[in-house]
Amino acid sequence: MRPSLPILNGEPAPTSERAAKPPWLKVKAPGGPRYAAMKQRARRLGLATVCEEAQCPNIGECWSGGTATFMLMGEVCTRGCRFCAVDTQKRPPALDPAEPGNIAEAVRDMALSYVVITSVNRDDMPDGGSAHLASCLDAVRAQSPSVLLEVLIPDFQGDRDALDRIAGTDLAVLAHNVETVERLTPSVRDPRASYRQSLEVLEYVKGQRPELLTKSSIMLGLGEEESEVVTTLADLRSVGVDIVTLGQYLRPSHKHLSVQSFITPEAFERLGQRARGMGFGFVASGPLVRSSYRAGELYVEGRLTEQHSALFSPVQAG
């Protein structure tokens, strides 16, 4: 049998996960004036944040630092992935026509320089909600011309028109998550999502816009083996993914998948080094890292500055 990733004390995660979390997973409770102000503004505009919906452990750090991840197209998803805290229904409420204006106002008023936008799946809509999401991105750009936009998209069931619609907006980063290794995908993600489809989405977008930075994320602690994680990293790199994040899966409630193991910081560092050796431009690997983790912002800003300089630098006379 292939060796598994190291787990806490060499034993599976105890049944009482909340009480048994290792010290490296403990974070300070969120607070502070900027945190409170961002929460209040999101409430006033009727916006959902994935920071709250996904119970992200970094919410205090990111909100206090002026970074937030907004979740658009409502707070109810049409899919039922077994790791996700977002509510699910076959037919969620109708999309809010005021949402593009509200998200644009929030980004402008918060004076954010880097914005991460994601959305629920809307398989109940013919275009998966892609036109609405594109409108939100365009509205943000119109009111905040200098902001860097990162969008974490659903797979849109592989619909290329929907993918073209999003990739055609003025983005810095387009992300789509494989979430887990191929073997575990059927037990972790909704049946409508597949490992290969996610790779095809990332490959297609990169093919359409080679200059666009692409990104994906892997959760660890679900029972994967180290060799499987390495294979997943290689698969992501083979379709041109530039940025990858690896983080610890934490169970949102007793209704969700159990944590099989708490991965040590040392194991995360080892996998991070392995990913860097594969040629990813930026790797964030650690127990508290999430797909929208702000650690990659400086890398994105640097890459875009390089691209801009290369595009507009004067041509040297021969």
C-alpha atoms as a PDB file:
ATOM      1  CA  MET A   1       0.000   0.000   0.000  1.00  0.00           C
ATOM      2  CA  ARG A   2       1.202   3.527  -0.783  1.00  0.00           C
ATOM      3  CA  PRO A   3       2.248   5.590   2.281  1.00  0.00           C
ATOM      4  CA  SER A   4      -0.413   7.920   3.641  1.00  0.00           C
ATOM      5  CA  LEU A   5       0.175  11.503   4.656  1.00  0.00           C
ATOM      6  CA  PRO A   6       1.317  11.921   8.263  1.00  0.00           C
ATOM      7  CA  ILE A   7      -1.636  12.439  10.597  1.00  0.00           C
ATOM      8  CA  LEU A   8      -1.881  13.874  14.083  1.00  0.00           C
ATOM      9  CA  ASN A   9       0.053  11.698  16.568  1.00  0.00           C
ATOM     10  CA  GLY A  10       0.036   8.935  13.950  1.00  0.00           C
ATOM     11  CA  GLU A  11      -3.654   8.272  14.623  1.00  0.00           C
ATOM     12  CA  PRO A  12      -6.871   9.150  12.748  1.00  0.00           C
ATOM     13  CA  ALA A  13      -8.661  12.317  13.805  1.00  0.00           C
ATOM     14  CA  PRO A  14     -10.711  11.667  16.978  1.00  0.00           C
ATOM     15  CA  THR A  15     -14.498  11.605  16.767  1.00  0.00           C
ATOM     16  CA  SER A  16     -14.805  14.863  18.673  1.00  0.00           C
ATOM     17  CA  GLU A  17     -12.984  16.914  16.051  1.00  0.00           C
ATOM     18  CA  ARG A  18     -13.712  20.335  17.511  1.00  0.00           C
ATOM     19  CA  ALA A  19     -12.212  19.463  20.892  1.00  0.00           C
ATOM     20  CA  ALA A  20      -9.344  17.542  19.357  1.00  0.00           C
ATOM     21  CA  LYS A  21      -8.025  20.131  16.893  1.00  0.00           C
ATOM     22  CA  PRO A  22      -4.249  20.429  17.080  1.00  0.00           C
ATOM     23  CA  PRO A  23      -2.690  23.735  18.175  1.00  0.00           C
ATOM     24  CA  TRP A  24      -1.740  24.786  14.645  1.00  0.00           C
ATOM     25  CA  LEU A  25      -5.450  24.975  13.721  1.00  0.00           C
ATOM     26  CA  LYS A  26      -6.418  27.362  16.512  1.00  0.00           C
ATOM     27  CA  VAL A  27      -6.996  30.973  15.459  1.00  0.00           C
ATOM     28  CA  LYS A  28      -7.919  34.180  17.228  1.00  0.00           C
ATOM     29  CA  ALA A  29     -11.609  35.120  17.184  1.00  0.00           C
ATOM     30  CA  PRO A  30     -12.327  37.773  14.537  1.00  0.00           C
ATOM     31  CA  GLY A  31     -12.835  41.362  15.618  1.00  0.00           C
ATOM     32  CA  GLY A  32     -11.716  44.968  15.263  1.00  0.00           C
ATOM     33  CA  PRO A  33     -13.260  48.060  13.682  1.00  0.00           C
ATOM     34  CA  ARG A  34     -12.518  47.172  10.062  1.00  0.00           C
ATOM     35  CA  TYR A  35     -13.879  43.669  10.502  1.00  0.00           C
ATOM     36  CA  ALA A  36     -17.091  45.099  11.978  1.00  0.00           C
ATOM     37  CA  ALA A  37     -17.402  47.710   9.235  1.00  0.00           C
ATOM     38  CA  MET A  38     -17.035  45.143   6.433  1.00  0.00           C
ATOM     39  CA  LYS A  39     -19.588  42.856   8.040  1.00  0.00           C
ATOM     40  CA  GLN A  40     -22.062  45.710   8.459  1.00  0.00           C
ATOM     41  CA  ARG A  41     -21.661  46.882   4.857  1.00  0.00           C
ATOM     42  CA  ALA A  42     -22.155  43.386   3.466  1.00  0.00           C
ATOM     43  CA  ARG A  43     -25.355  43.034   5.501  1.00  0.00           C
ATOM     44  CA  ARG A  44     -26.715  46.398   4.364  1.00  0.00           C
ATOM     45  CA  LEU A  45     -26.213  45.548   0.701  1.00  0.00           C
ATOM     46  CA  GLY A  46     -27.572  42.012   1.044  1.00  0.00           C
ATOM     47  CA  LEU A  47     -24.260  40.458   0.004  1.00  0.00           C
ATOM     48  CA  ALA A  48     -23.048  37.043   1.100  1.00  0.00           C
ATOM     49  CA  THR A  49     -19.381  36.433   1.800  1.00  0.00           C
ATOM     50  CA  VAL A  50     -17.794  33.030   1.369  1.00  0.00           C
ATOM     51  CA  CYS A  51     -15.686  34.004   4.369  1.00  0.00           C
ATOM     52  CA  GLU A  52     -18.788  33.516   6.529  1.00  0.00           C
ATOM     53  CA  GLU A  53     -20.710  30.936   4.493  1.00  0.00           C
ATOM     54  CA  ALA A  54     -17.720  28.572   4.331  1.00  0.00           C
ATOM     55  CA  GLN A  55     -16.747  29.310   7.955  1.00  0.00           C
ATOM     56  CA  CYS A  56     -13.232  30.297   6.859  1.00  0.00           C
ATOM     57  CA  PRO A  57     -10.700  30.311   9.727  1.00  0.00           C
ATOM     58  CA  ASN A  58      -8.874  33.287   8.184  1.00  0.00           C
ATOM     59  CA  ILE A  59     -11.847  35.667   8.261  1.00  0.00           C
ATOM     60  CA  GLY A  60     -10.361  37.824  11.018  1.00  0.00           C
ATOM     61  CA  GLU A  61      -6.999  38.194   9.277  1.00  0.00           C
ATOM     62  CA  CYS A  62      -8.439  38.932   5.844  1.00  0.00           C
ATOM     63  CA  TRP A  63     -11.271  41.268   6.856  1.00  0.00           C
ATOM     64  CA  SER A  64      -9.043  43.233   9.210  1.00  0.00           C
ATOM     65  CA  GLY A  65      -6.594  43.577   6.334  1.00  0.00           C
ATOM     66  CA  GLY A  66      -9.256  44.815   3.941  1.00  0.00           C
ATOM     67  CA  THR A  67      -9.697  41.682   1.832  1.00  0.00           C
ATOM     68  CA  ALA A  68     -12.976  39.822   1.476  1.00  0.00           C
ATOM     69  CA  THR A  69     -14.361  37.098  -0.755  1.00  0.00           C
ATOM     70  CA  PHE A  70     -17.892  37.796  -1.936  1.00  0.00           C
ATOM     71  CA  MET A  71     -20.247  34.958  -2.845  1.00  0.00           C
ATOM     72  CA  LEU A  72     -22.704  35.942  -5.567  1.00  0.00           C
ATOM     73  CA  MET A  73     -25.918  34.521  -7.033  1.00  0.00           C
ATOM     74  CA  GLY A  74     -27.453  33.995  -3.606  1.00  0.00           C
ATOM     75  CA  GLU A  75     -26.703  31.918  -0.542  1.00  0.00           C
ATOM     76  CA  VAL A  76     -28.246  28.655  -1.789  1.00  0.00           C
ATOM     77  CA  CYS A  77     -26.486  26.237  -4.154  1.00  0.00           C
ATOM     78  CA  THR A  78     -28.050  23.658  -6.468  1.00  0.00           C
ATOM     79  CA  ARG A  79     -25.354  21.143  -5.609  1.00  0.00           C
ATOM     80  CA  GLY A  80     -24.796  19.169  -2.441  1.00  0.00           C
ATOM     81  CA  CYS A  81     -21.062  18.645  -2.061  1.00  0.00           C
ATOM     82  CA  ARG A  82     -20.469  16.759   1.178  1.00  0.00           C
ATOM     83  CA  PHE A  83     -17.717  19.077   2.430  1.00  0.00           C
ATOM     84  CA  CYS A  84     -19.481  22.394   1.869  1.00  0.00           C
ATOM     85  CA  ALA A  85     -21.347  24.494   4.450  1.00  0.00           C
ATOM     86  CA  VAL A  86     -23.497  26.348   1.892  1.00  0.00           C
ATOM     87  CA  ASP A  87     -27.218  25.462   1.892  1.00  0.00           C
ATOM     88  CA  THR A  88     -28.541  23.506  -1.072  1.00  0.00           C
ATOM     89  CA  GLN A  89     -31.871  23.337  -2.950  1.00  0.00           C
ATOM     90  CA  LYS A  90     -32.936  22.119  -6.378  1.00  0.00           C
ATOM     91  CA  ARG A  91     -34.493  25.510  -7.149  1.00  0.00           C
ATOM     92  CA  PRO A  92     -32.968  28.385  -5.188  1.00  0.00           C
ATOM     93  CA  PRO A  93     -34.570  31.842  -5.088  1.00  0.00           C
ATOM     94  CA  ALA A  94     -34.363  34.013  -8.206  1.00  0.00           C
ATOM     95  CA  LEU A  95     -31.213  36.031  -8.784  1.00  0.00           C
ATOM     96  CA  ASP A  96     -31.176  39.559  -7.404  1.00  0.00           C
ATOM     97  CA  PRO A  97     -31.101  42.076 -10.295  1.00  0.00           C
ATOM     98  CA  ALA A  98     -29.593  44.654  -7.926  1.00  0.00           C
ATOM     99  CA  GLU A  99     -26.614  42.443  -7.114  1.00  0.00           C
ATOM    100  CA  PRO A 100     -24.221  43.819  -9.796  1.00  0.00           C
ATOM    101  CA  GLY A 101     -24.747  47.361  -8.484  1.00  0.00           C
ATOM    102  CA  ASN A 102     -24.483  46.260  -4.865  1.00  0.00           C
ATOM    103  CA  ILE A 103     -21.219  44.390  -5.271  1.00  0.00           C
ATOM    104  CA  ALA A 104     -19.744  47.276  -7.263  1.00  0.00           C
ATOM    105  CA  GLU A 105     -20.769  49.725  -4.535  1.00  0.00           C
ATOM    106  CA  ALA A 106     -19.297  47.543  -1.799  1.00  0.00           C
ATOM    107  CA  VAL A 107     -15.932  47.169  -3.521  1.00  0.00           C
ATOM    108  CA  ARG A 108     -15.756  50.900  -4.261  1.00  0.00           C
ATOM    109  CA  ASP A 109     -16.746  52.007  -0.759  1.00  0.00           C
ATOM    110  CA  MET A 110     -14.402  49.544   0.950  1.00  0.00           C
ATOM    111  CA  ALA A 111     -11.526  50.874  -1.182  1.00  0.00           C
ATOM    112  CA  LEU A 112     -10.303  47.348  -1.866  1.00  0.00           C
ATOM    113  CA  SER A 113      -7.322  46.816  -4.156  1.00  0.00           C
ATOM    114  CA  TYR A 114      -7.815  43.051  -4.594  1.00  0.00           C
ATOM    115  CA  VAL A 115     -11.229  41.406  -4.675  1.00  0.00           C
ATOM    116  CA  VAL A 116     -12.091  37.714  -4.774  1.00  0.00           C
ATOM    117  CA  ILE A 117     -15.544  36.871  -6.121  1.00  0.00           C
ATOM    118  CA  THR A 118     -17.087  33.425  -6.147  1.00  0.00           C
ATOM    119  CA  SER A 119     -20.588  32.076  -6.555  1.00  0.00           C
ATOM    120  CA  VAL A 120     -22.874  29.182  -5.831  1.00  0.00           C
ATOM    121  CA  ASN A 121     -23.766  26.722  -8.588  1.00  0.00           C
ATOM    122  CA  ARG A 122     -26.995  27.556 -10.413  1.00  0.00           C
ATOM    123  CA  ASP A 123     -27.682  24.427 -12.449  1.00  0.00           C
ATOM    124  CA  ASP A 124     -31.349  25.470 -12.527  1.00  0.00           C
ATOM    125  CA  MET A 125     -30.490  28.210 -15.042  1.00  0.00           C
ATOM    126  CA  PRO A 126     -29.735  27.522 -18.736  1.00  0.00           C
ATOM    127  CA  ASP A 127     -26.444  29.437 -18.611  1.00  0.00           C
ATOM    128  CA  GLY A 128     -25.589  28.453 -15.030  1.00  0.00           C
ATOM    129  CA  GLY A 129     -25.897  32.105 -14.053  1.00  0.00           C
ATOM    130  CA  SER A 130     -22.816  33.033 -16.085  1.00  0.00           C
ATOM    131  CA  ALA A 131     -24.385  36.140 -17.642  1.00  0.00           C
ATOM    132  CA  HIS A 132     -25.335  37.463 -14.210  1.00  0.00           C
ATOM    133  CA  LEU A 133     -21.879  36.726 -12.807  1.00  0.00           C
ATOM    134  CA  ALA A 134     -20.218  38.442 -15.767  1.00  0.00           C
ATOM    135  CA  SER A 135     -22.450  41.475 -15.219  1.00  0.00           C
ATOM    136  CA  CYS A 136     -21.297  41.634 -11.593  1.00  0.00           C
ATOM    137  CA  LEU A 137     -17.651  41.511 -12.642  1.00  0.00           C
ATOM    138  CA  ASP A 138     -18.184  44.224 -15.268  1.00  0.00           C
ATOM    139  CA  ALA A 139     -19.994  46.417 -12.731  1.00  0.00           C
ATOM    140  CA  VAL A 140     -17.113  46.133 -10.268  1.00  0.00           C
ATOM    141  CA  ARG A 141     -14.610  47.018 -12.977  1.00  0.00           C
ATOM    142  CA  ALA A 142     -16.670  50.042 -14.074  1.00  0.00           C
ATOM    143  CA  GLN A 143     -16.701  51.550 -10.573  1.00  0.00           C
ATOM    144  CA  SER A 144     -13.215  50.440  -9.494  1.00  0.00           C
ATOM    145  CA  PRO A 145     -10.993  50.547 -12.593  1.00  0.00           C
ATOM    146  CA  SER A 146      -7.768  49.753 -10.754  1.00  0.00           C
ATOM    147  CA  VAL A 147      -8.994  46.854  -8.633  1.00  0.00           C
ATOM    148  CA  LEU A 148      -7.544  43.401  -9.287  1.00  0.00           C
ATOM    149  CA  LEU A 149     -10.301  40.846  -9.763  1.00  0.00           C
ATOM    150  CA  GLU A 150     -10.048  37.157  -8.947  1.00  0.00           C
ATOM    151  CA  VAL A 151     -13.080  34.974  -9.638  1.00  0.00           C
ATOM    152  CA  LEU A 152     -13.616  31.424  -8.362  1.00  0.00           C
ATOM    153  CA  ILE A 153     -16.088  29.843 -10.765  1.00  0.00           C
ATOM    154  CA  PRO A 154     -18.316  26.754 -10.797  1.00  0.00           C
ATOM    155  CA  ASP A 155     -17.725  24.260 -13.599  1.00  0.00           C
ATOM    156  CA  PHE A 156     -20.879  25.409 -15.480  1.00  0.00           C
ATOM    157  CA  GLN A 157     -21.148  21.704 -16.419  1.00  0.00           C
ATOM    158  CA  GLY A 158     -18.357  22.335 -18.893  1.00  0.00           C
ATOM    159  CA  ASP A 159     -20.454  24.746 -20.992  1.00  0.00           C
ATOM    160  CA  ARG A 160     -17.946  26.631 -23.118  1.00  0.00           C
ATOM    161  CA  ASP A 161     -20.248  29.567 -23.831  1.00  0.00           C
ATOM    162  CA  ALA A 162     -20.551  30.147 -20.087  1.00  0.00           C
ATOM    163  CA  LEU A 163     -16.793  29.821 -19.636  1.00  0.00           C
ATOM    164  CA  ASP A 164     -16.153  32.252 -22.505  1.00  0.00           C
ATOM    165  CA  ARG A 165     -18.546  34.725 -20.920  1.00  0.00           C
ATOM    166  CA  ILE A 166     -16.566  34.796 -17.666  1.00  0.00           C
ATOM    167  CA  ALA A 167     -13.109  34.581 -19.248  1.00  0.00           C
ATOM    168  CA  GLY A 168     -14.062  37.526 -21.457  1.00  0.00           C
ATOM    169  CA  THR A 169     -14.288  39.893 -18.488  1.00  0.00           C
ATOM    170  CA  ASP A 170     -11.338  41.926 -17.215  1.00  0.00           C
ATOM    171  CA  LEU A 171      -9.855  39.476 -14.718  1.00  0.00           C
ATOM    172  CA  ALA A 172      -6.503  39.041 -13.015  1.00  0.00           C
ATOM    173  CA  VAL A 173      -7.114  35.429 -11.906  1.00  0.00           C
ATOM    174  CA  LEU A 174      -9.652  32.768 -12.831  1.00  0.00           C
ATOM    175  CA  ALA A 175      -9.892  29.959 -10.285  1.00  0.00           C
ATOM    176  CA  HIS A 176     -11.726  26.664 -10.294  1.00  0.00           C
ATOM    177  CA  ASN A 177     -11.139  24.049  -7.611  1.00  0.00           C
ATOM    178  CA  VAL A 178     -10.618  20.323  -8.077  1.00  0.00           C
ATOM    179  CA  GLU A 179     -11.133  20.143  -4.279  1.00  0.00           C
ATOM    180  CA  THR A 180      -9.721  16.635  -3.759  1.00  0.00           C
ATOM    181  CA  VAL A 181      -7.900  13.765  -5.443  1.00  0.00           C
ATOM    182  CA  GLU A 182      -9.584  11.853  -8.248  1.00  0.00           C
ATOM    183  CA  ARG A 183     -10.315   8.703  -6.210  1.00  0.00           C
ATOM    184  CA  LEU A 184     -12.220  10.628  -3.535  1.00  0.00           C
ATOM    185  CA  THR A 185     -14.094  12.991  -5.866  1.00  0.00           C
ATOM    186  CA  PRO A 186     -17.299  10.870  -6.115  1.00  0.00           C
ATOM    187  CA  SER A 187     -17.647  10.725  -2.312  1.00  0.00           C
ATOM    188  CA  VAL A 188     -16.674  14.356  -1.674  1.00  0.00           C
ATOM    189  CA  ARG A 189     -18.265  16.386  -4.467  1.00  0.00           C
ATOM    190  CA  ASP A 190     -21.755  16.477  -5.952  1.00  0.00           C
ATOM    191  CA  PRO A 191     -22.317  13.804  -8.674  1.00  0.00           C
ATOM    192  CA  ARG A 192     -22.584  16.565 -11.293  1.00  0.00           C
ATOM    193  CA  ALA A 193     -18.984  17.570 -10.588  1.00  0.00           C
ATOM    194  CA  SER A 194     -16.104  15.449 -11.773  1.00  0.00           C
ATOM    195  CA  TYR A 195     -12.340  15.574 -11.465  1.00  0.00           C
ATOM    196  CA  ARG A 196     -11.781  15.377 -15.216  1.00  0.00           C
ATOM    197  CA  GLN A 197     -14.395  18.011 -15.960  1.00  0.00           C
ATOM    198  CA  SER A 198     -12.664  20.406 -13.584  1.00  0.00           C
ATOM    199  CA  LEU A 199      -9.328  19.812 -15.325  1.00  0.00           C
ATOM    200  CA  GLU A 200     -10.998  20.391 -18.692  1.00  0.00           C
ATOM    201  CA  VAL A 201     -12.491  23.694 -17.472  1.00  0.00           C
ATOM    202  CA  LEU A 202      -9.069  24.935 -16.371  1.00  0.00           C
ATOM    203  CA  GLU A 203      -7.428  23.743 -19.575  1.00  0.00           C
ATOM    204  CA  TYR A 204     -10.065  25.357 -21.787  1.00  0.00           C
ATOM    205  CA  VAL A 205      -9.860  28.742 -20.066  1.00  0.00           C
ATOM    206  CA  LYS A 206      -6.055  28.720 -20.268  1.00  0.00           C
ATOM    207  CA  GLY A 207      -6.267  27.852 -23.949  1.00  0.00           C
ATOM    208  CA  GLN A 208      -8.613  30.739 -24.624  1.00  0.00           C
ATOM    209  CA  ARG A 209      -6.606  33.274 -22.618  1.00  0.00           C
ATOM    210  CA  PRO A 210      -3.022  32.086 -22.079  1.00  0.00           C
ATOM    211  CA  GLU A 211      -2.071  35.305 -20.281  1.00  0.00           C
ATOM    212  CA  LEU A 212      -4.806  34.875 -17.669  1.00  0.00           C
ATOM    213  CA  LEU A 213      -3.535  33.465 -14.381  1.00  0.00           C
ATOM    214  CA  THR A 214      -5.396  30.272 -13.438  1.00  0.00           C
ATOM    215  CA  LYS A 215      -5.684  28.781  -9.982  1.00  0.00           C
ATOM    216  CA  SER A 216      -6.988  25.702  -8.185  1.00  0.00           C
ATOM    217  CA  SER A 217      -7.181  24.303  -4.655  1.00  0.00           C
ATOM    218  CA  ILE A 218      -6.911  20.945  -2.899  1.00  0.00           C
ATOM    219  CA  MET A 219      -8.300  20.055   0.549  1.00  0.00           C
ATOM    220  CA  LEU A 220      -6.311  17.557   2.610  1.00  0.00           C
ATOM    221  CA  GLY A 221      -7.382  15.340   5.478  1.00  0.00           C
ATOM    222  CA  LEU A 222     -10.155  13.473   3.654  1.00  0.00           C
ATOM    223  CA  GLY A 223      -8.293  10.173   3.402  1.00  0.00           C
ATOM    224  CA  GLU A 224      -6.066  10.911   0.419  1.00  0.00           C
ATOM    225  CA  GLU A 225      -2.601   9.407   0.046  1.00  0.00           C
ATOM    226  CA  GLU A 226       0.453  11.540  -0.527  1.00  0.00           C
ATOM    227  CA  SER A 227       1.136  10.008  -3.922  1.00  0.00           C
ATOM    228  CA  GLU A 228      -2.424  10.923  -4.960  1.00  0.00           C
ATOM    229  CA  VAL A 229      -1.873  14.552  -3.959  1.00  0.00           C
ATOM    230  CA  VAL A 230       1.330  14.623  -6.016  1.00  0.00           C
ATOM    231  CA  THR A 231      -0.571  13.193  -8.995  1.00  0.00           C
ATOM    232  CA  THR A 232      -3.264  15.843  -8.597  1.00  0.00           C
ATOM    233  CA  LEU A 233      -0.633  18.584  -8.541  1.00  0.00           C
ATOM    234  CA  ALA A 234       0.917  17.155 -11.698  1.00  0.00           C
ATOM    235  CA  ASP A 235      -2.502  17.035 -13.388  1.00  0.00           C
ATOM    236  CA  LEU A 236      -3.141  20.689 -12.514  1.00  0.00           C
ATOM    237  CA  ARG A 237       0.242  21.745 -13.809  1.00  0.00           C
ATOM    238  CA  SER A 238      -0.319  19.782 -17.031  1.00  0.00           C
ATOM    239  CA  VAL A 239      -3.338  21.974 -17.872  1.00  0.00           C
ATOM    240  CA  GLY A 240      -1.403  25.170 -17.241  1.00  0.00           C
ATOM    241  CA  VAL A 241      -2.545  26.102 -13.736  1.00  0.00           C
ATOM    242  CA  ASP A 242      -0.330  28.889 -12.377  1.00  0.00           C
ATOM    243  CA  ILE A 243      -1.377  29.065  -8.718  1.00  0.00           C
ATOM    244  CA  VAL A 244      -2.271  26.238  -6.344  1.00  0.00           C
ATOM    245  CA  THR A 245      -3.337  26.220  -2.709  1.00  0.00           C
ATOM    246  CA  LEU A 246      -3.415  23.288  -0.289  1.00  0.00           C
ATOM    247  CA  GLY A 247      -5.246  23.447   3.034  1.00  0.00           C
ATOM    248  CA  GLN A 248      -6.723  21.316   5.802  1.00  0.00           C
ATOM    249  CA  TYR A 249     -10.345  20.199   5.454  1.00  0.00           C
ATOM    250  CA  LEU A 250     -12.391  21.151   8.515  1.00  0.00           C
ATOM    251  CA  ARG A 251     -15.840  19.661   9.016  1.00  0.00           C
ATOM    252  CA  PRO A 252     -18.563  22.366   8.983  1.00  0.00           C
ATOM    253  CA  SER A 253     -21.088  20.239  10.924  1.00  0.00           C
ATOM    254  CA  HIS A 254     -21.915  16.670  11.902  1.00  0.00           C
ATOM    255  CA  LYS A 255     -23.883  16.368   8.631  1.00  0.00           C
ATOM    256  CA  HIS A 256     -20.736  16.765   6.565  1.00  0.00           C
ATOM    257  CA  LEU A 257     -17.811  14.468   5.827  1.00  0.00           C
ATOM    258  CA  SER A 258     -15.651  13.613   8.798  1.00  0.00           C
ATOM    259  CA  VAL A 259     -12.036  14.689   8.993  1.00  0.00           C
ATOM    260  CA  GLN A 260      -9.902  11.596   8.474  1.00  0.00           C
ATOM    261  CA  SER A 261      -6.610  13.166   9.508  1.00  0.00           C
ATOM    262  CA  PHE A 262      -5.073  16.433  10.631  1.00  0.00           C
ATOM    263  CA  ILE A 263      -2.138  17.038   8.330  1.00  0.00           C
ATOM    264  CA  THR A 264       0.957  18.438  10.024  1.00  0.00           C
ATOM    265  CA  PRO A 265       2.537  21.753   9.004  1.00  0.00           C
ATOM    266  CA  GLU A 266       5.658  19.787   8.063  1.00  0.00           C
ATOM    267  CA  ALA A 267       3.686  17.644   5.603  1.00  0.00           C
ATOM    268  CA  PHE A 268       2.113  20.753   4.079  1.00  0.00           C
ATOM    269  CA  GLU A 269       5.562  22.293   3.665  1.00  0.00           C
ATOM    270  CA  ARG A 270       6.860  19.148   1.983  1.00  0.00           C
ATOM    271  CA  LEU A 271       3.972  19.126  -0.482  1.00  0.00           C
ATOM    272  CA  GLY A 272       4.386  22.847  -1.077  1.00  0.00           C
ATOM    273  CA  GLN A 273       8.023  22.333  -1.998  1.00  0.00           C
ATOM    274  CA  ARG A 274       7.029  19.481  -4.311  1.00  0.00           C
ATOM    275  CA  ALA A 275       4.500  21.759  -6.039  1.00  0.00           C
ATOM    276  CA  ARG A 276       7.059  24.544  -6.446  1.00  0.00           C
ATOM    277  CA  GLY A 277       9.408  22.056  -8.057  1.00  0.00           C
ATOM    278  CA  MET A 278       6.717  21.286 -10.646  1.00  0.00           C
ATOM    279  CA  GLY A 279       6.771  24.884 -11.855  1.00  0.00           C
ATOM    280  CA  PHE A 280       3.708  26.492 -10.290  1.00  0.00           C
ATOM    281  CA  GLY A 281       4.194  30.244 -10.151  1.00  0.00           C
ATOM    282  CA  PHE A 282       2.820  30.507  -6.641  1.00  0.00           C
ATOM    283  CA  VAL A 283       2.022  27.882  -4.012  1.00  0.00           C
ATOM    284  CA  ALA A 284       0.270  28.410  -0.668  1.00  0.00           C
ATOM    285  CA  SER A 285       0.354  25.238   1.419  1.00  0.00           C
ATOM    286  CA  GLY A 286      -0.593  25.102   5.085  1.00  0.00           C
ATOM    287  CA  PRO A 287      -3.284  23.945   7.520  1.00  0.00           C
ATOM    288  CA  LEU A 288      -5.209  27.248   7.463  1.00  0.00           C
ATOM    289  CA  VAL A 289      -4.782  28.039   3.768  1.00  0.00           C
ATOM    290  CA  ARG A 290      -8.023  28.349   1.793  1.00  0.00           C
ATOM    291  CA  SER A 291      -8.662  28.700  -1.954  1.00  0.00           C
ATOM    292  CA  SER A 292      -9.242  32.455  -1.614  1.00  0.00           C
ATOM    293  CA  TYR A 293      -6.350  32.968   0.801  1.00  0.00           C
ATOM    294  CA  ARG A 294      -4.822  36.435   0.417  1.00  0.00           C
ATOM    295  CA  ALA A 295      -1.213  35.166   0.495  1.00  0.00           C
ATOM    296  CA  GLY A 296      -1.082  35.077  -3.304  1.00  0.00           C
ATOM    297  CA  GLU A 297      -2.032  38.707  -3.888  1.00  0.00           C
ATOM    298  CA  LEU A 298       1.525  40.047  -4.050  1.00  0.00           C
ATOM    299  CA  TYR A 299       2.459  37.338  -6.549  1.00  0.00           C
ATOM    300  CA  VAL A 300      -0.514  38.234  -8.760  1.00  0.00           C
ATOM    301  CA  GLU A 301       0.295  41.937  -8.562  1.00  0.00           C
ATOM    302  CA  GLY A 302       3.912  41.233  -9.472  1.00  0.00           C
ATOM    303  CA  ARG A 303       3.003  39.033 -12.434  1.00  0.00           C
ATOM    304  CA  LEU A 304       0.572  41.596 -13.802  1.00  0.00           C
ATOM    305  CA  THR A 305       3.168  44.333 -13.438  1.00  0.00           C
ATOM    306  CA  GLU A 306       5.626  42.193 -15.417  1.00  0.00           C
ATOM    307  CA  GLN A 307       3.035  41.529 -18.127  1.00  0.00           C
ATOM    308  CA  HIS A 308       2.176  45.224 -18.351  1.00  0.00           C
ATOM    309  CA  SER A 309       5.852  46.214 -18.612  1.00  0.00           C
ATOM    310  CA  ALA A 310       6.486  43.636 -21.324  1.00  0.00           C
ATOM    311  CA  LEU A 311       3.445  44.789 -23.275  1.00  0.00           C
ATOM    312  CA  PHE A 312       4.121  48.526 -23.116  1.00  0.00           C
ATOM    313  CA  SER A 313       7.928  48.731 -22.939  1.00  0.00           C
ATOM    314  CA  PRO A 314       9.475  50.519 -25.928  1.00  0.00           C
ATOM    315  CA  VAL A 315      10.882  48.282 -28.655  1.00  0.00           C
ATOM    316  CA  GLN A 316      14.660  48.495 -28.823  1.00  0.00           C
ATOM    317  CA  ALA A 317      16.053  49.535 -32.195  1.00  0.00           C
ATOM    318  CA  GLY A 318      18.085  46.830 -33.888  1.00  0.00           C
END
